Amino acid sequence: MMKRRDFLAGSAAVLAAGPALAATAYTPGLVTEELQAGKTVFLDFKASWCTTCAAQERVLNALKAENPAYEQAISFIEVDWDTYGNSELARSLNIPRRSTLVVLKGDRELGRIVAGTGRDQIKALMDTALQAATA
C-alpha cells in the first residue's frame, strides 16, 4: 500500500518536471491546425508498450530539459499508435511503424527517424525543427 508521503513526494517530482516535458496528445485535425497557424510540428508516433518508443521519449525529455527553446518554439504532438496507427494522418505521411518521429513545417516534411534512439540523431532532428521554427 502506498503511503501518503510517498505519493506526495512522487507527485511533487512529476510536477517539478512540469509541463516542459509534456507533449500534446494527438486528436484528428490538430496537426493541420498547428501547421496552418505557422507552427513547426514534431510528431511522435508511439505506443505505451513499445520499448523503442520509451527509449526515444527518454532522449526527447532529456534534450527538452537541457534546452527550453525546443518547447518554446516547437509544437510536440504524441500520436498514440494503437489508436491512430491506421489513421489518415499516418497513411498520408507513410508512417511505417510506431517509434517514428517526424518534423513538419507548412506543407513540407523536414525530417524523420524510424526506430532510432541515438541522442545525436534525435538532437539533430530537434535542431532541424528548432531552426525551422525560429527562421
C-alpha atoms as a PDB file:
ATOM      1  CA  MET A   1       0.000   0.000   0.000  1.00  0.00           C
ATOM      2  CA  MET A   2       1.349   3.419  -0.932  1.00  0.00           C
ATOM      3  CA  LYS A   3       1.846   5.860   1.898  1.00  0.00           C
ATOM      4  CA  ARG A   4       0.543   9.388   1.506  1.00  0.00           C
ATOM      5  CA  ARG A   5       4.064  10.757   1.984  1.00  0.00           C
ATOM      6  CA  ASP A   6       5.391   8.618  -0.903  1.00  0.00           C
ATOM      7  CA  PHE A   7       2.504   9.652  -3.138  1.00  0.00           C
ATOM      8  CA  LEU A   8       3.078  13.338  -2.407  1.00  0.00           C
ATOM      9  CA  ALA A   9       6.826  13.041  -2.980  1.00  0.00           C
ATOM     10  CA  GLY A  10       6.231  11.265  -6.274  1.00  0.00           C
ATOM     11  CA  SER A  11       3.629  13.821  -7.312  1.00  0.00           C
ATOM     12  CA  ALA A  12       5.997  16.661  -6.449  1.00  0.00           C
ATOM     13  CA  ALA A  13       8.710  15.101  -8.617  1.00  0.00           C
ATOM     14  CA  VAL A  14       6.319  14.835 -11.554  1.00  0.00           C
ATOM     15  CA  LEU A  15       5.141  18.409 -11.060  1.00  0.00           C
ATOM     16  CA  ALA A  16       8.721  19.650 -10.736  1.00  0.00           C
ATOM     17  CA  ALA A  17       9.389  18.171 -14.166  1.00  0.00           C
ATOM     18  CA  GLY A  18       6.485  20.385 -15.119  1.00  0.00           C
ATOM     19  CA  PRO A  19       4.707  20.934 -18.373  1.00  0.00           C
ATOM     20  CA  ALA A  20       8.067  21.483 -20.056  1.00  0.00           C
ATOM     21  CA  LEU A  21       8.277  17.746 -20.697  1.00  0.00           C
ATOM     22  CA  ALA A  22       4.676  17.317 -21.754  1.00  0.00           C
ATOM     23  CA  ALA A  23       3.626  16.872 -25.342  1.00  0.00           C
ATOM     24  CA  THR A  24       0.109  17.380 -26.628  1.00  0.00           C
ATOM     25  CA  ALA A  25      -1.888  14.226 -27.322  1.00  0.00           C
ATOM     26  CA  TYR A  26      -2.965  13.946 -30.942  1.00  0.00           C
ATOM     27  CA  THR A  27      -6.584  14.375 -31.927  1.00  0.00           C
ATOM     28  CA  PRO A  28      -7.813  14.440 -35.539  1.00  0.00           C
ATOM     29  CA  GLY A  29      -7.319  17.864 -37.095  1.00  0.00           C
ATOM     30  CA  LEU A  30      -4.717  19.038 -34.579  1.00  0.00           C
ATOM     31  CA  VAL A  31      -1.712  18.730 -36.908  1.00  0.00           C
ATOM     32  CA  THR A  32      -3.477  20.677 -39.660  1.00  0.00           C
ATOM     33  CA  GLU A  33      -4.456  23.409 -37.174  1.00  0.00           C
ATOM     34  CA  GLU A  34      -0.899  23.738 -35.869  1.00  0.00           C
ATOM     35  CA  LEU A  35       0.625  23.808 -39.365  1.00  0.00           C
ATOM     36  CA  GLN A  36      -1.931  26.360 -40.605  1.00  0.00           C
ATOM     37  CA  ALA A  37      -1.048  28.521 -37.593  1.00  0.00           C
ATOM     38  CA  GLY A  38       2.534  28.550 -38.887  1.00  0.00           C
ATOM     39  CA  LYS A  39       3.952  26.236 -36.238  1.00  0.00           C
ATOM     40  CA  THR A  40       6.675  23.661 -36.652  1.00  0.00           C
ATOM     41  CA  VAL A  41       5.279  20.280 -35.609  1.00  0.00           C
ATOM     42  CA  PHE A  42       7.271  17.390 -34.115  1.00  0.00           C
ATOM     43  CA  LEU A  43       5.201  14.191 -34.315  1.00  0.00           C
ATOM     44  CA  ASP A  44       5.992  11.219 -32.097  1.00  0.00           C
ATOM     45  CA  PHE A  45       4.156   8.073 -33.208  1.00  0.00           C
ATOM     46  CA  LYS A  46       4.339   5.889 -30.113  1.00  0.00           C
ATOM     47  CA  ALA A  47       2.716   3.093 -28.153  1.00  0.00           C
ATOM     48  CA  SER A  48       2.684   2.635 -24.385  1.00  0.00           C
ATOM     49  CA  TRP A  49       4.048  -0.912 -24.717  1.00  0.00           C
ATOM     50  CA  CYS A  50       6.855  -0.007 -27.160  1.00  0.00           C
ATOM     51  CA  THR A  51      10.350  -0.166 -25.632  1.00  0.00           C
ATOM     52  CA  THR A  52      11.901   1.726 -28.564  1.00  0.00           C
ATOM     53  CA  CYS A  53       9.322   4.489 -28.037  1.00  0.00           C
ATOM     54  CA  ALA A  54      10.227   4.630 -24.340  1.00  0.00           C
ATOM     55  CA  ALA A  55      13.916   4.979 -25.222  1.00  0.00           C
ATOM     56  CA  GLN A  56      13.082   7.798 -27.666  1.00  0.00           C
ATOM     57  CA  GLU A  57      10.970   9.509 -25.012  1.00  0.00           C
ATOM     58  CA  ARG A  58      13.848   9.469 -22.504  1.00  0.00           C
ATOM     59  CA  VAL A  59      16.120  11.168 -25.049  1.00  0.00           C
ATOM     60  CA  LEU A  60      13.452  13.691 -26.071  1.00  0.00           C
ATOM     61  CA  ASN A  61      12.757  14.602 -22.445  1.00  0.00           C
ATOM     62  CA  ALA A  62      16.457  14.975 -21.628  1.00  0.00           C
ATOM     63  CA  LEU A  63      17.018  17.239 -24.634  1.00  0.00           C
ATOM     64  CA  LYS A  64      13.929  19.345 -23.814  1.00  0.00           C
ATOM     65  CA  ALA A  65      15.131  19.720 -20.224  1.00  0.00           C
ATOM     66  CA  GLU A  66      18.571  20.870 -21.420  1.00  0.00           C
ATOM     67  CA  ASN A  67      17.210  23.389 -23.927  1.00  0.00           C
ATOM     68  CA  PRO A  68      13.862  25.064 -23.145  1.00  0.00           C
ATOM     69  CA  ALA A  69      13.924  26.705 -26.605  1.00  0.00           C
ATOM     70  CA  TYR A  70      12.726  23.415 -28.112  1.00  0.00           C
ATOM     71  CA  GLU A  71       9.393  23.539 -26.355  1.00  0.00           C
ATOM     72  CA  GLN A  72       9.051  27.287 -26.660  1.00  0.00           C
ATOM     73  CA  ALA A  73       9.310  27.093 -30.457  1.00  0.00           C
ATOM     74  CA  ILE A  74       8.116  23.611 -31.489  1.00  0.00           C
ATOM     75  CA  SER A  75       4.687  22.005 -31.195  1.00  0.00           C
ATOM     76  CA  PHE A  76       5.325  18.462 -29.883  1.00  0.00           C
ATOM     77  CA  ILE A  77       2.437  16.079 -30.571  1.00  0.00           C
ATOM     78  CA  GLU A  78       2.302  12.457 -29.412  1.00  0.00           C
ATOM     79  CA  VAL A  79       0.289  10.168 -31.691  1.00  0.00           C
ATOM     80  CA  ASP A  80      -0.944   7.000 -29.971  1.00  0.00           C
ATOM     81  CA  TRP A  81      -0.099   4.210 -32.415  1.00  0.00           C
ATOM     82  CA  ASP A  82      -2.745   1.844 -31.059  1.00  0.00           C
ATOM     83  CA  THR A  83      -5.449   4.443 -31.716  1.00  0.00           C
ATOM     84  CA  TYR A  84      -4.122   6.327 -34.764  1.00  0.00           C
ATOM     85  CA  GLY A  85      -1.645   3.955 -36.422  1.00  0.00           C
ATOM     86  CA  ASN A  86      -4.060   3.428 -39.296  1.00  0.00           C
ATOM     87  CA  SER A  87      -5.396   6.993 -39.334  1.00  0.00           C
ATOM     88  CA  GLU A  88      -5.500   9.348 -42.285  1.00  0.00           C
ATOM     89  CA  LEU A  89      -2.554  11.206 -40.711  1.00  0.00           C
ATOM     90  CA  ALA A  90      -0.389   8.075 -40.517  1.00  0.00           C
ATOM     91  CA  ARG A  91      -1.368   6.977 -44.036  1.00  0.00           C
ATOM     92  CA  SER A  92      -0.805  10.423 -45.573  1.00  0.00           C
ATOM     93  CA  LEU A  93       2.698  10.599 -44.073  1.00  0.00           C
ATOM     94  CA  ASN A  94       3.501   6.947 -44.909  1.00  0.00           C
ATOM     95  CA  ILE A  95       4.338   6.190 -41.279  1.00  0.00           C
ATOM     96  CA  PRO A  96       5.706   2.625 -41.347  1.00  0.00           C
ATOM     97  CA  ARG A  97       5.511   1.813 -37.657  1.00  0.00           C
ATOM     98  CA  ARG A  98       5.396   3.119 -34.119  1.00  0.00           C
ATOM     99  CA  SER A  99       8.626   4.751 -32.867  1.00  0.00           C
ATOM    100  CA  THR A 100       8.587   7.113 -35.847  1.00  0.00           C
ATOM    101  CA  LEU A 101       9.461  10.774 -35.264  1.00  0.00           C
ATOM    102  CA  VAL A 102       8.553  13.319 -37.955  1.00  0.00           C
ATOM    103  CA  VAL A 103       9.072  17.087 -38.257  1.00  0.00           C
ATOM    104  CA  LEU A 104       6.667  19.123 -40.390  1.00  0.00           C
ATOM    105  CA  LYS A 105       6.539  22.815 -41.308  1.00  0.00           C
ATOM    106  CA  GLY A 106       3.941  24.211 -43.684  1.00  0.00           C
ATOM    107  CA  ASP A 107       3.361  21.558 -46.327  1.00  0.00           C
ATOM    108  CA  ARG A 108       6.849  20.033 -46.025  1.00  0.00           C
ATOM    109  CA  GLU A 109       8.378  17.184 -44.098  1.00  0.00           C
ATOM    110  CA  LEU A 110      11.744  18.358 -42.784  1.00  0.00           C
ATOM    111  CA  GLY A 111      12.962  15.043 -41.420  1.00  0.00           C
ATOM    112  CA  ARG A 112      12.096  11.746 -39.796  1.00  0.00           C
ATOM    113  CA  ILE A 113      13.596   8.987 -37.709  1.00  0.00           C
ATOM    114  CA  VAL A 114      12.192   5.454 -37.782  1.00  0.00           C
ATOM    115  CA  ALA A 115      13.050   3.397 -34.688  1.00  0.00           C
ATOM    116  CA  GLY A 116      16.203   5.394 -33.975  1.00  0.00           C
ATOM    117  CA  THR A 117      17.102   6.048 -30.353  1.00  0.00           C
ATOM    118  CA  GLY A 118      20.511   7.716 -30.660  1.00  0.00           C
ATOM    119  CA  ARG A 119      20.854  11.006 -28.825  1.00  0.00           C
ATOM    120  CA  ASP A 120      22.807  12.678 -31.645  1.00  0.00           C
ATOM    121  CA  GLN A 121      20.274  11.556 -34.258  1.00  0.00           C
ATOM    122  CA  ILE A 122      17.273  12.763 -32.236  1.00  0.00           C
ATOM    123  CA  LYS A 123      19.033  16.024 -31.309  1.00  0.00           C
ATOM    124  CA  ALA A 124      19.753  16.674 -34.994  1.00  0.00           C
ATOM    125  CA  LEU A 125      16.051  16.229 -35.815  1.00  0.00           C
ATOM    126  CA  MET A 126      15.036  18.514 -32.946  1.00  0.00           C
ATOM    127  CA  ASP A 127      17.613  21.092 -34.079  1.00  0.00           C
ATOM    128  CA  THR A 128      16.160  20.943 -37.617  1.00  0.00           C
ATOM    129  CA  ALA A 129      12.731  21.635 -36.118  1.00  0.00           C
ATOM    130  CA  LEU A 130      14.066  24.460 -33.937  1.00  0.00           C
ATOM    131  CA  GLN A 131      15.841  26.068 -36.876  1.00  0.00           C
ATOM    132  CA  ALA A 132      12.645  25.925 -38.976  1.00  0.00           C
ATOM    133  CA  ALA A 133      10.561  27.298 -36.098  1.00  0.00           C
ATOM    134  CA  THR A 134      12.853  30.247 -35.468  1.00  0.00           C
ATOM    135  CA  ALA A 135      13.748  31.087 -39.087  1.00  0.00           C
END
